[in-house]
N, C-alpha and C. Protein backbone atom coordinates (compact mmCIF):
# COMPACT_ATOMS: atom_id res chain seq x y z
N MET A 1 0.87 -1.21 -0.01
CA MET A 1 -0.03 -0.03 0.02
C MET A 1 0.89 1.24 0.00
N SER A 2 0.50 2.11 -0.81
CA SER A 2 1.36 3.39 -0.92
C SER A 2 0.71 4.44 -0.17
N ARG A 3 1.58 5.34 0.31
CA ARG A 3 1.08 6.46 1.14
C ARG A 3 0.46 7.47 0.22
N VAL A 4 -0.59 8.10 0.64
CA VAL A 4 -1.21 9.19 -0.05
C VAL A 4 -0.55 10.52 0.33
N LYS A 5 -0.08 11.23 -0.62
CA LYS A 5 0.62 12.44 -0.35
C LYS A 5 -0.41 13.50 -0.03
N LYS A 6 -0.16 14.15 1.16
CA LYS A 6 -1.08 15.22 1.55
C LYS A 6 -0.51 16.52 0.94
N THR A 7 -1.28 17.22 0.20
CA THR A 7 -0.85 18.52 -0.38
C THR A 7 -1.41 19.59 0.55
N ARG A 8 -0.50 20.58 0.80
CA ARG A 8 -0.90 21.74 1.63
C ARG A 8 -1.86 22.63 0.83
N LYS A 9 -2.75 23.08 1.55
CA LYS A 9 -3.71 24.03 0.90
C LYS A 9 -2.99 25.25 0.45
N PHE A 10 -3.27 25.82 -0.67
CA PHE A 10 -2.61 27.00 -1.17
C PHE A 10 -2.99 28.24 -0.28
N ALA A 11 -1.96 29.00 0.10
CA ALA A 11 -2.11 30.20 0.87
C ALA A 11 -2.68 29.98 2.25
N ALA A 12 -2.42 28.79 2.79
CA ALA A 12 -2.85 28.62 4.23
C ALA A 12 -1.77 29.13 5.13
N VAL A 13 -2.16 30.12 5.93
CA VAL A 13 -1.16 30.82 6.77
C VAL A 13 -1.63 30.82 8.24
N LYS A 14 -0.65 30.66 9.10
CA LYS A 14 -1.02 30.59 10.56
C LYS A 14 -1.45 31.98 10.97
N ARG A 15 -2.41 31.97 11.83
CA ARG A 15 -2.85 33.32 12.28
C ARG A 15 -1.96 33.76 13.45
N VAL A 16 -1.63 35.06 13.42
CA VAL A 16 -0.76 35.60 14.45
C VAL A 16 -1.53 36.67 15.22
N ILE A 17 -1.35 36.68 16.52
CA ILE A 17 -1.97 37.77 17.30
C ILE A 17 -1.19 39.08 17.05
N GLY A 18 -2.01 40.11 16.91
CA GLY A 18 -1.40 41.47 16.69
C GLY A 18 -0.78 42.03 17.95
N GLN A 19 0.05 43.03 17.81
CA GLN A 19 0.75 43.69 19.00
C GLN A 19 -0.27 44.38 19.91
N ARG A 20 -1.41 44.84 19.37
CA ARG A 20 -2.36 45.64 20.10
C ARG A 20 -3.52 44.79 20.56
N ASP A 21 -3.43 43.51 20.48
CA ASP A 21 -4.52 42.58 20.87
C ASP A 21 -4.71 42.69 22.38
N ALA A 22 -6.05 42.74 22.80
CA ALA A 22 -6.32 42.91 24.20
C ALA A 22 -5.93 41.66 25.02
N ARG A 23 -5.75 40.50 24.41
CA ARG A 23 -5.46 39.30 25.14
C ARG A 23 -3.99 39.27 25.61
N LEU A 24 -3.14 40.13 25.08
CA LEU A 24 -1.72 40.13 25.53
C LEU A 24 -1.61 40.82 26.89
N LYS A 25 -0.68 40.28 27.64
CA LYS A 25 -0.54 40.75 29.13
C LYS A 25 -0.22 42.17 29.18
N LYS A 26 0.71 42.66 28.33
CA LYS A 26 1.12 44.11 28.39
C LYS A 26 -0.05 45.03 28.09
N ASN A 27 -0.90 44.62 27.16
CA ASN A 27 -2.04 45.45 26.80
C ASN A 27 -3.09 45.42 27.88
N GLN A 28 -3.20 44.34 28.59
CA GLN A 28 -4.19 44.28 29.70
C GLN A 28 -3.77 45.20 30.81
N GLU A 29 -2.40 45.22 31.07
CA GLU A 29 -1.90 46.16 32.09
C GLU A 29 -2.13 47.63 31.76
N LYS A 30 -2.03 47.93 30.50
CA LYS A 30 -2.25 49.30 30.02
C LYS A 30 -3.70 49.73 30.23
N VAL A 31 -4.59 48.76 30.02
CA VAL A 31 -6.03 49.01 30.16
C VAL A 31 -6.37 49.28 31.67
N GLU A 32 -5.70 48.44 32.56
CA GLU A 32 -5.91 48.59 33.93
C GLU A 32 -5.36 49.95 34.48
N ASP A 33 -4.19 50.33 34.03
CA ASP A 33 -3.57 51.62 34.39
C ASP A 33 -4.47 52.76 33.90
N GLY A 34 -4.96 52.63 32.69
CA GLY A 34 -5.75 53.68 32.06
C GLY A 34 -7.10 53.95 32.78
N GLY A 35 -7.58 52.91 33.52
CA GLY A 35 -8.80 53.09 34.22
C GLY A 35 -8.56 53.88 35.51
N LYS A 36 -7.37 53.89 36.11
CA LYS A 36 -7.05 54.55 37.34
C LYS A 36 -6.82 56.06 37.08
N ARG A 37 -6.15 56.36 35.93
CA ARG A 37 -5.77 57.76 35.62
C ARG A 37 -7.05 58.57 35.16
N LYS A 38 -7.01 59.88 35.48
CA LYS A 38 -8.08 60.72 35.03
C LYS A 38 -7.80 61.15 33.61
N PRO A 39 -8.72 61.08 32.70
CA PRO A 39 -8.47 61.61 31.32
C PRO A 39 -8.25 63.12 31.32
N PRO A 40 -7.32 63.62 30.53
CA PRO A 40 -7.18 65.05 30.51
C PRO A 40 -8.39 65.79 29.88
N LYS A 41 -8.62 66.98 30.38
CA LYS A 41 -9.72 67.76 29.86
C LYS A 41 -9.45 68.20 28.40
N GLY A 42 -10.60 68.08 27.67
CA GLY A 42 -10.39 68.51 26.20
C GLY A 42 -9.88 67.44 25.34
N GLY A 43 -9.87 66.23 25.75
CA GLY A 43 -9.41 65.12 24.91
C GLY A 43 -7.89 64.96 24.85
N ASP A 44 -7.42 64.28 23.85
CA ASP A 44 -5.99 64.03 23.66
C ASP A 44 -5.24 65.31 23.20
N ARG A 45 -5.89 66.17 22.51
CA ARG A 45 -5.20 67.37 21.96
C ARG A 45 -4.70 68.26 23.10
N ALA A 46 -5.41 68.35 24.19
CA ALA A 46 -4.99 69.17 25.25
C ALA A 46 -3.73 68.58 25.96
N ALA A 47 -3.55 67.25 25.89
CA ALA A 47 -2.43 66.63 26.53
C ALA A 47 -1.07 66.94 25.91
N VAL A 48 -1.10 67.16 24.59
CA VAL A 48 0.15 67.48 23.88
C VAL A 48 0.36 69.01 23.86
N VAL A 49 1.42 69.44 24.54
CA VAL A 49 1.75 70.84 24.57
C VAL A 49 3.07 71.05 23.90
N ARG A 50 3.09 71.81 22.79
CA ARG A 50 4.37 71.99 22.07
C ARG A 50 4.78 73.45 22.28
N GLU A 51 6.02 73.61 22.58
CA GLU A 51 6.51 74.97 22.79
C GLU A 51 7.51 75.34 21.62
N ILE A 52 7.04 76.20 20.79
CA ILE A 52 7.81 76.69 19.61
C ILE A 52 8.46 78.05 19.93
N PRO A 53 9.76 78.05 19.92
CA PRO A 53 10.45 79.34 20.25
C PRO A 53 10.14 80.39 19.18
N GLN A 54 9.98 81.63 19.65
CA GLN A 54 9.73 82.77 18.70
C GLN A 54 11.01 83.08 17.92
N VAL A 55 10.85 83.06 16.59
CA VAL A 55 12.06 83.38 15.75
C VAL A 55 12.10 84.88 15.59
N SER A 56 13.36 85.45 15.79
CA SER A 56 13.57 86.83 15.65
C SER A 56 13.18 87.37 14.29
N SER A 57 12.54 88.49 14.25
CA SER A 57 12.06 89.07 12.95
C SER A 57 13.25 89.63 12.18
N SER A 58 14.38 89.80 12.78
CA SER A 58 15.57 90.31 12.08
C SER A 58 16.34 89.32 11.29
N LEU A 59 16.00 87.98 11.46
CA LEU A 59 16.64 86.91 10.78
C LEU A 59 16.04 86.68 9.42
N PHE A 60 16.88 86.53 8.44
CA PHE A 60 16.44 86.06 7.12
C PHE A 60 17.22 84.77 6.88
N PHE A 61 16.70 83.64 7.29
CA PHE A 61 17.31 82.39 7.36
C PHE A 61 18.43 82.52 8.41
N GLN A 62 19.71 82.37 8.03
CA GLN A 62 20.84 82.58 9.03
C GLN A 62 21.34 83.98 8.96
N TYR A 63 20.90 84.74 8.05
CA TYR A 63 21.39 86.14 7.82
C TYR A 63 20.70 87.10 8.81
N ASN A 64 21.44 87.79 9.59
CA ASN A 64 20.90 88.75 10.63
C ASN A 64 20.93 90.08 10.07
N THR A 65 19.74 90.63 9.74
CA THR A 65 19.64 91.96 9.19
C THR A 65 19.79 93.05 10.18
N ALA A 66 19.70 92.79 11.48
CA ALA A 66 19.84 93.77 12.54
C ALA A 66 21.27 94.17 12.78
N LEU A 67 22.27 93.34 12.29
CA LEU A 67 23.71 93.70 12.50
C LEU A 67 24.13 94.65 11.42
N VAL A 68 24.24 95.92 11.81
CA VAL A 68 24.66 97.00 10.90
C VAL A 68 25.69 97.83 11.70
N PRO A 69 26.62 98.48 11.03
CA PRO A 69 27.56 99.39 11.70
C PRO A 69 26.81 100.58 12.35
N PRO A 70 27.22 101.11 13.46
CA PRO A 70 28.32 100.68 14.34
C PRO A 70 28.02 99.34 15.06
N TYR A 71 28.87 98.38 14.97
CA TYR A 71 28.63 97.08 15.58
C TYR A 71 28.79 97.16 17.10
N SER A 72 27.87 96.48 17.86
CA SER A 72 27.96 96.32 19.26
C SER A 72 28.63 95.01 19.58
N VAL A 73 29.78 95.04 20.21
CA VAL A 73 30.51 93.84 20.46
C VAL A 73 30.62 93.51 21.95
N LEU A 74 29.95 92.39 22.35
CA LEU A 74 30.02 91.92 23.74
C LEU A 74 31.36 91.24 24.01
N VAL A 75 32.14 91.82 24.92
CA VAL A 75 33.50 91.31 25.17
C VAL A 75 33.47 90.39 26.39
N ASP A 76 34.15 89.26 26.23
CA ASP A 76 34.30 88.28 27.29
C ASP A 76 35.65 88.42 27.98
N THR A 77 35.75 87.94 29.19
CA THR A 77 36.98 87.96 29.96
C THR A 77 38.13 87.33 29.28
N ASN A 78 37.89 86.15 28.68
CA ASN A 78 38.84 85.41 27.99
C ASN A 78 39.43 86.18 26.79
N PHE A 79 38.55 86.93 26.12
CA PHE A 79 38.99 87.74 24.90
C PHE A 79 39.92 88.84 25.36
N LEU A 80 39.61 89.50 26.48
CA LEU A 80 40.47 90.55 26.98
C LEU A 80 41.85 90.02 27.37
N SER A 81 41.88 88.86 28.04
CA SER A 81 43.20 88.31 28.41
C SER A 81 44.04 87.90 27.20
N HIS A 82 43.43 87.39 26.15
CA HIS A 82 44.14 87.07 24.94
C HIS A 82 44.61 88.31 24.19
N THR A 83 43.82 89.39 24.28
CA THR A 83 44.23 90.68 23.69
C THR A 83 45.48 91.19 24.36
N VAL A 84 45.55 91.08 25.66
CA VAL A 84 46.72 91.57 26.39
C VAL A 84 47.97 90.63 26.02
N GLN A 85 47.72 89.35 25.97
CA GLN A 85 48.83 88.38 25.66
C GLN A 85 49.40 88.69 24.32
N HIS A 86 48.61 89.03 23.29
CA HIS A 86 49.08 89.29 21.98
C HIS A 86 49.41 90.74 21.74
N LYS A 87 49.35 91.57 22.86
CA LYS A 87 49.69 92.96 22.79
C LYS A 87 48.95 93.69 21.66
N LEU A 88 47.64 93.54 21.66
CA LEU A 88 46.75 94.21 20.67
C LEU A 88 45.95 95.32 21.28
N GLU A 89 45.77 96.33 20.44
CA GLU A 89 44.87 97.50 20.88
C GLU A 89 43.46 97.03 20.59
N LEU A 90 42.58 97.19 21.59
CA LEU A 90 41.18 96.63 21.49
C LEU A 90 40.38 97.25 20.38
N LEU A 91 40.19 98.53 20.38
CA LEU A 91 39.32 99.21 19.46
C LEU A 91 39.84 99.26 18.03
N SER A 92 41.02 99.62 17.87
CA SER A 92 41.65 99.77 16.57
C SER A 92 41.69 98.39 15.84
N THR A 93 42.02 97.31 16.54
CA THR A 93 42.10 95.99 15.93
C THR A 93 40.70 95.45 15.57
N MET A 94 39.70 95.85 16.42
CA MET A 94 38.32 95.49 16.06
C MET A 94 37.92 96.16 14.77
N MET A 95 38.24 97.46 14.64
CA MET A 95 37.86 98.23 13.44
C MET A 95 38.61 97.68 12.19
N ASP A 96 39.89 97.24 12.35
CA ASP A 96 40.61 96.58 11.29
C ASP A 96 39.99 95.35 10.85
N CYS A 97 39.44 94.61 11.79
CA CYS A 97 38.76 93.29 11.48
C CYS A 97 37.47 93.50 10.74
N LEU A 98 36.68 94.46 11.21
CA LEU A 98 35.28 94.63 10.64
C LEU A 98 35.15 95.69 9.59
N TYR A 99 36.23 96.55 9.40
CA TYR A 99 36.17 97.74 8.47
C TYR A 99 34.96 98.61 8.75
N ALA A 100 34.64 98.75 10.06
CA ALA A 100 33.49 99.59 10.44
C ALA A 100 33.71 100.03 11.90
N LYS A 101 32.92 101.00 12.31
CA LYS A 101 32.93 101.51 13.68
C LYS A 101 32.39 100.41 14.65
N CYS A 102 33.06 100.25 15.75
CA CYS A 102 32.65 99.25 16.75
C CYS A 102 32.48 99.91 18.08
N VAL A 103 31.61 99.33 18.90
CA VAL A 103 31.39 99.81 20.25
C VAL A 103 31.56 98.54 21.15
N PRO A 104 32.75 98.45 21.82
CA PRO A 104 32.94 97.34 22.74
C PRO A 104 32.06 97.54 23.93
N ILE A 105 31.33 96.46 24.33
CA ILE A 105 30.40 96.52 25.50
C ILE A 105 30.88 95.53 26.50
N ILE A 106 31.02 96.00 27.75
CA ILE A 106 31.49 95.09 28.82
C ILE A 106 30.38 95.04 29.88
N THR A 107 29.92 93.84 30.18
CA THR A 107 28.88 93.67 31.14
C THR A 107 29.43 93.66 32.56
N ALA A 108 28.49 93.78 33.56
CA ALA A 108 28.91 93.82 34.96
C ALA A 108 29.50 92.45 35.36
N CYS A 109 29.02 91.36 34.76
CA CYS A 109 29.54 90.02 35.07
C CYS A 109 30.96 89.90 34.66
N VAL A 110 31.29 90.42 33.46
CA VAL A 110 32.68 90.33 32.98
C VAL A 110 33.59 91.14 33.90
N MET A 111 33.17 92.26 34.30
CA MET A 111 33.97 93.10 35.23
C MET A 111 34.26 92.37 36.57
N ALA A 112 33.17 91.78 37.06
CA ALA A 112 33.23 91.01 38.34
C ALA A 112 34.21 89.85 38.21
N GLU A 113 34.13 89.15 37.08
CA GLU A 113 34.92 87.97 36.82
C GLU A 113 36.43 88.42 36.78
N LEU A 114 36.70 89.53 36.09
CA LEU A 114 38.09 90.09 35.98
C LEU A 114 38.63 90.49 37.34
N GLU A 115 37.79 91.07 38.18
CA GLU A 115 38.20 91.45 39.52
C GLU A 115 38.49 90.30 40.35
N LYS A 116 37.74 89.15 40.17
CA LYS A 116 37.94 87.88 41.01
C LYS A 116 39.25 87.28 40.58
N LEU A 117 39.70 87.38 39.37
CA LEU A 117 40.92 86.72 38.89
C LEU A 117 42.16 87.25 39.49
N GLY A 118 42.15 88.45 40.11
CA GLY A 118 43.29 88.96 40.85
C GLY A 118 44.33 89.68 39.99
N PRO A 119 45.58 89.80 40.68
CA PRO A 119 46.59 90.65 40.06
C PRO A 119 47.13 90.19 38.74
N LYS A 120 47.02 88.90 38.41
CA LYS A 120 47.54 88.33 37.17
C LYS A 120 46.83 89.07 35.94
N TYR A 121 45.56 89.39 36.17
CA TYR A 121 44.78 89.98 35.01
C TYR A 121 44.55 91.48 35.22
N ARG A 122 45.40 92.17 35.97
CA ARG A 122 45.26 93.57 36.32
C ARG A 122 45.32 94.47 34.98
N VAL A 123 46.14 94.07 34.00
CA VAL A 123 46.16 94.89 32.75
C VAL A 123 44.85 94.74 31.99
N ALA A 124 44.29 93.52 31.90
CA ALA A 124 43.03 93.29 31.28
C ALA A 124 41.92 94.08 31.94
N LEU A 125 42.00 94.11 33.34
CA LEU A 125 40.98 94.85 34.09
C LEU A 125 41.12 96.37 33.81
N ARG A 126 42.31 96.84 33.71
CA ARG A 126 42.54 98.29 33.42
C ARG A 126 41.96 98.61 32.01
N ILE A 127 42.15 97.70 31.07
CA ILE A 127 41.57 97.89 29.76
C ILE A 127 40.02 97.96 29.81
N ALA A 128 39.46 97.01 30.57
CA ALA A 128 38.03 96.91 30.73
C ALA A 128 37.41 98.17 31.41
N ARG A 129 38.17 98.83 32.29
CA ARG A 129 37.68 99.97 33.05
C ARG A 129 37.76 101.25 32.22
N ASP A 130 38.23 101.19 30.99
CA ASP A 130 38.36 102.39 30.21
C ASP A 130 37.04 103.03 29.90
N GLU A 131 36.92 104.36 29.94
CA GLU A 131 35.67 105.10 29.81
C GLU A 131 35.13 105.01 28.40
N ARG A 132 35.94 104.68 27.43
CA ARG A 132 35.50 104.65 26.02
C ARG A 132 34.54 103.52 25.80
N TRP A 133 34.56 102.46 26.54
CA TRP A 133 33.69 101.27 26.36
C TRP A 133 32.35 101.50 27.05
N GLU A 134 31.33 100.87 26.42
CA GLU A 134 29.97 100.93 26.99
C GLU A 134 29.81 99.92 28.06
N ARG A 135 29.06 100.31 29.12
CA ARG A 135 28.85 99.38 30.22
C ARG A 135 27.36 98.88 30.22
N LEU A 136 27.15 97.64 30.57
CA LEU A 136 25.82 97.07 30.67
C LEU A 136 25.64 96.45 32.08
N LYS A 137 24.55 96.87 32.69
CA LYS A 137 24.24 96.32 34.04
C LYS A 137 23.50 94.99 33.84
N CYS A 138 23.77 94.08 34.69
CA CYS A 138 23.12 92.71 34.67
C CYS A 138 22.03 92.68 35.72
N ASP A 139 20.86 92.12 35.35
CA ASP A 139 19.69 92.09 36.27
C ASP A 139 19.46 90.74 36.78
N HIS A 140 20.43 89.82 36.67
CA HIS A 140 20.25 88.46 37.15
C HIS A 140 21.14 88.14 38.35
N LYS A 141 20.89 87.02 38.97
CA LYS A 141 21.74 86.55 40.16
C LYS A 141 23.01 85.89 39.70
N GLY A 142 24.04 85.97 40.47
CA GLY A 142 25.24 85.30 40.04
C GLY A 142 26.12 86.13 39.12
N VAL A 143 27.39 85.77 38.99
CA VAL A 143 28.30 86.54 38.12
C VAL A 143 29.03 85.62 37.09
N TYR A 144 28.29 84.62 36.63
CA TYR A 144 28.92 83.71 35.63
C TYR A 144 28.70 84.41 34.25
N ALA A 145 29.80 84.87 33.66
CA ALA A 145 29.69 85.74 32.46
C ALA A 145 29.19 85.01 31.26
N ASP A 146 29.53 83.70 31.11
CA ASP A 146 29.06 82.95 29.92
C ASP A 146 27.53 82.88 29.80
N ASP A 147 26.88 82.55 30.88
CA ASP A 147 25.46 82.48 30.93
C ASP A 147 24.87 83.83 30.61
N CYS A 148 25.49 84.92 31.21
CA CYS A 148 24.99 86.23 31.04
C CYS A 148 25.05 86.67 29.52
N LEU A 149 26.12 86.38 28.84
CA LEU A 149 26.37 86.73 27.47
C LEU A 149 25.41 85.92 26.54
N VAL A 150 25.28 84.64 26.79
CA VAL A 150 24.44 83.85 25.99
C VAL A 150 22.89 84.27 26.11
N ASP A 151 22.53 84.50 27.38
CA ASP A 151 21.18 84.99 27.66
C ASP A 151 20.85 86.34 26.92
N ARG A 152 21.83 87.23 26.99
CA ARG A 152 21.67 88.57 26.36
C ARG A 152 21.61 88.45 24.89
N VAL A 153 22.35 87.57 24.30
CA VAL A 153 22.40 87.37 22.85
C VAL A 153 21.12 86.67 22.34
N GLN A 154 20.53 85.81 23.13
CA GLN A 154 19.33 85.16 22.73
C GLN A 154 18.14 86.11 22.79
N LYS A 155 18.16 87.00 23.72
CA LYS A 155 17.10 88.01 23.80
C LYS A 155 17.16 89.05 22.69
N HIS A 156 18.40 89.61 22.50
CA HIS A 156 18.59 90.64 21.47
C HIS A 156 19.66 90.25 20.52
N LYS A 157 19.32 89.97 19.26
CA LYS A 157 20.30 89.52 18.30
C LYS A 157 20.97 90.66 17.57
N ILE A 158 21.43 91.66 18.40
CA ILE A 158 22.10 92.84 17.82
C ILE A 158 23.58 92.89 18.14
N TYR A 159 24.14 91.78 18.75
CA TYR A 159 25.50 91.81 19.24
C TYR A 159 26.40 90.86 18.50
N ILE A 160 27.64 91.20 18.49
CA ILE A 160 28.71 90.25 18.10
C ILE A 160 29.39 89.81 19.36
N VAL A 161 29.59 88.51 19.59
CA VAL A 161 30.20 87.96 20.80
C VAL A 161 31.69 87.84 20.56
N ALA A 162 32.46 88.53 21.39
CA ALA A 162 34.01 88.48 21.32
C ALA A 162 34.45 87.49 22.43
N THR A 163 34.91 86.32 22.00
CA THR A 163 35.40 85.39 23.02
C THR A 163 36.42 84.38 22.43
N ASN A 164 37.26 83.86 23.29
CA ASN A 164 38.18 82.82 22.87
C ASN A 164 37.88 81.48 23.60
N ASP A 165 36.82 81.52 24.40
CA ASP A 165 36.43 80.35 25.21
C ASP A 165 35.69 79.34 24.35
N ARG A 166 36.17 78.16 24.27
CA ARG A 166 35.63 77.08 23.40
C ARG A 166 34.23 76.68 23.72
N ASP A 167 33.95 76.58 25.04
CA ASP A 167 32.54 76.19 25.42
C ASP A 167 31.49 77.31 25.05
N LEU A 168 31.95 78.57 25.32
CA LEU A 168 31.09 79.71 25.02
C LEU A 168 30.84 79.79 23.50
N LYS A 169 31.88 79.56 22.71
CA LYS A 169 31.71 79.54 21.27
C LYS A 169 30.77 78.50 20.83
N ARG A 170 30.89 77.27 21.37
CA ARG A 170 29.97 76.19 21.03
C ARG A 170 28.51 76.54 21.41
N ARG A 171 28.38 77.22 22.49
CA ARG A 171 26.93 77.62 22.87
C ARG A 171 26.42 78.71 21.94
N VAL A 172 27.28 79.64 21.59
CA VAL A 172 26.87 80.77 20.73
C VAL A 172 26.58 80.29 19.32
N ARG A 173 27.28 79.26 18.81
CA ARG A 173 27.05 78.76 17.44
C ARG A 173 25.66 78.10 17.33
N LYS A 174 25.11 77.67 18.40
CA LYS A 174 23.79 77.10 18.32
C LYS A 174 22.69 78.14 18.12
N ILE A 175 23.05 79.42 18.36
CA ILE A 175 22.07 80.50 18.24
C ILE A 175 22.26 81.06 16.88
N PRO A 176 21.19 81.01 15.98
CA PRO A 176 21.36 81.49 14.61
C PRO A 176 21.52 83.00 14.55
N GLY A 177 22.34 83.49 13.65
CA GLY A 177 22.52 84.92 13.36
C GLY A 177 23.40 85.68 14.35
N VAL A 178 24.24 84.99 15.15
CA VAL A 178 25.06 85.63 16.09
C VAL A 178 26.59 85.41 15.70
N PRO A 179 27.28 86.43 15.21
CA PRO A 179 28.70 86.28 14.85
C PRO A 179 29.59 86.09 16.03
N ILE A 180 30.76 85.49 15.91
CA ILE A 180 31.72 85.31 16.99
C ILE A 180 33.05 85.91 16.51
N MET A 181 33.66 86.79 17.36
CA MET A 181 34.92 87.36 17.13
C MET A 181 35.98 86.66 18.08
N SER A 182 37.14 86.42 17.63
CA SER A 182 38.16 85.74 18.44
C SER A 182 39.53 86.24 18.06
N VAL A 183 40.50 86.00 18.95
CA VAL A 183 41.85 86.34 18.75
C VAL A 183 42.62 85.11 18.21
N ALA A 184 43.20 85.31 17.02
CA ALA A 184 44.01 84.21 16.38
C ALA A 184 45.19 84.80 15.52
N ARG A 185 46.32 84.25 15.76
CA ARG A 185 47.57 84.67 14.96
C ARG A 185 47.80 86.15 15.01
N GLY A 186 47.74 86.71 16.17
CA GLY A 186 48.08 88.13 16.29
C GLY A 186 47.06 89.13 15.78
N LYS A 187 45.84 88.71 15.51
CA LYS A 187 44.79 89.61 15.04
C LYS A 187 43.45 89.07 15.37
N TYR A 188 42.39 89.85 15.15
CA TYR A 188 41.02 89.43 15.42
C TYR A 188 40.46 88.73 14.21
N THR A 189 39.72 87.68 14.41
CA THR A 189 39.01 87.00 13.27
C THR A 189 37.53 87.00 13.60
N ILE A 190 36.66 87.06 12.55
CA ILE A 190 35.26 86.97 12.75
C ILE A 190 34.68 85.82 11.97
N GLU A 191 33.72 85.12 12.62
CA GLU A 191 33.04 84.06 11.90
C GLU A 191 31.50 84.29 11.99
N ARG A 192 30.85 83.86 10.91
CA ARG A 192 29.36 83.94 10.76
C ARG A 192 28.86 85.33 10.64
N LEU A 193 29.68 86.29 10.12
CA LEU A 193 29.15 87.61 9.81
C LEU A 193 29.09 87.64 8.26
N PRO A 194 27.88 87.74 7.74
CA PRO A 194 27.72 87.69 6.29
C PRO A 194 28.49 88.69 5.48
N ASP A 195 28.57 89.97 6.01
CA ASP A 195 29.24 91.05 5.26
C ASP A 195 30.70 91.09 5.60
N ALA A 196 31.24 90.19 6.31
CA ALA A 196 32.61 90.25 6.75
C ALA A 196 33.63 90.28 5.54
N PRO A 197 34.60 91.09 5.57
CA PRO A 197 35.62 91.16 4.47
C PRO A 197 36.38 89.81 4.43
N GLU A 198 36.59 89.34 3.25
CA GLU A 198 37.36 88.07 3.04
C GLU A 198 38.88 88.33 3.30
N LYS A 199 39.53 87.44 4.06
CA LYS A 199 40.95 87.65 4.30
C LYS A 199 41.67 86.39 4.02
């Protein structure tokens, strides 16, 4: 006697339980937890809150139209000390870099930081105390200059940030439309300023 070959039925597929099936343990636990919590008012739409930051009206993509001469330059402690090390004149070197009139601005935090650093930075402190520079009072607690400068630049995109601090540069680069000035090879260099002269 020969065996009869059983042929499989065409397109016969095993049925699989879906991931959202109510019979699965994890889905049963979700249903139990869902019964205990109060549903948010206004349905699911009220539960999702998205915060979209307001984009400055002076920005045209990455181009900042609010940056026009005379440039306001926020000076950092680090930048002043590098200026002293390279024996550079602050205002004239800035003007040589930008080919325009500049107004160096020193915040109260930068002054406090320079005073804390002691006698090693006395020349930088003397430069910072010059009457020709503009002063800005800080209305926040603490005297950490980096946070102060980043906060000020985020609120008003009319400044160029002058710093040699790597961390501060990294933070400022995340803010669109804010140029960075730094000391390199015995002169000032500028990055992210659209109208900057090519060197």
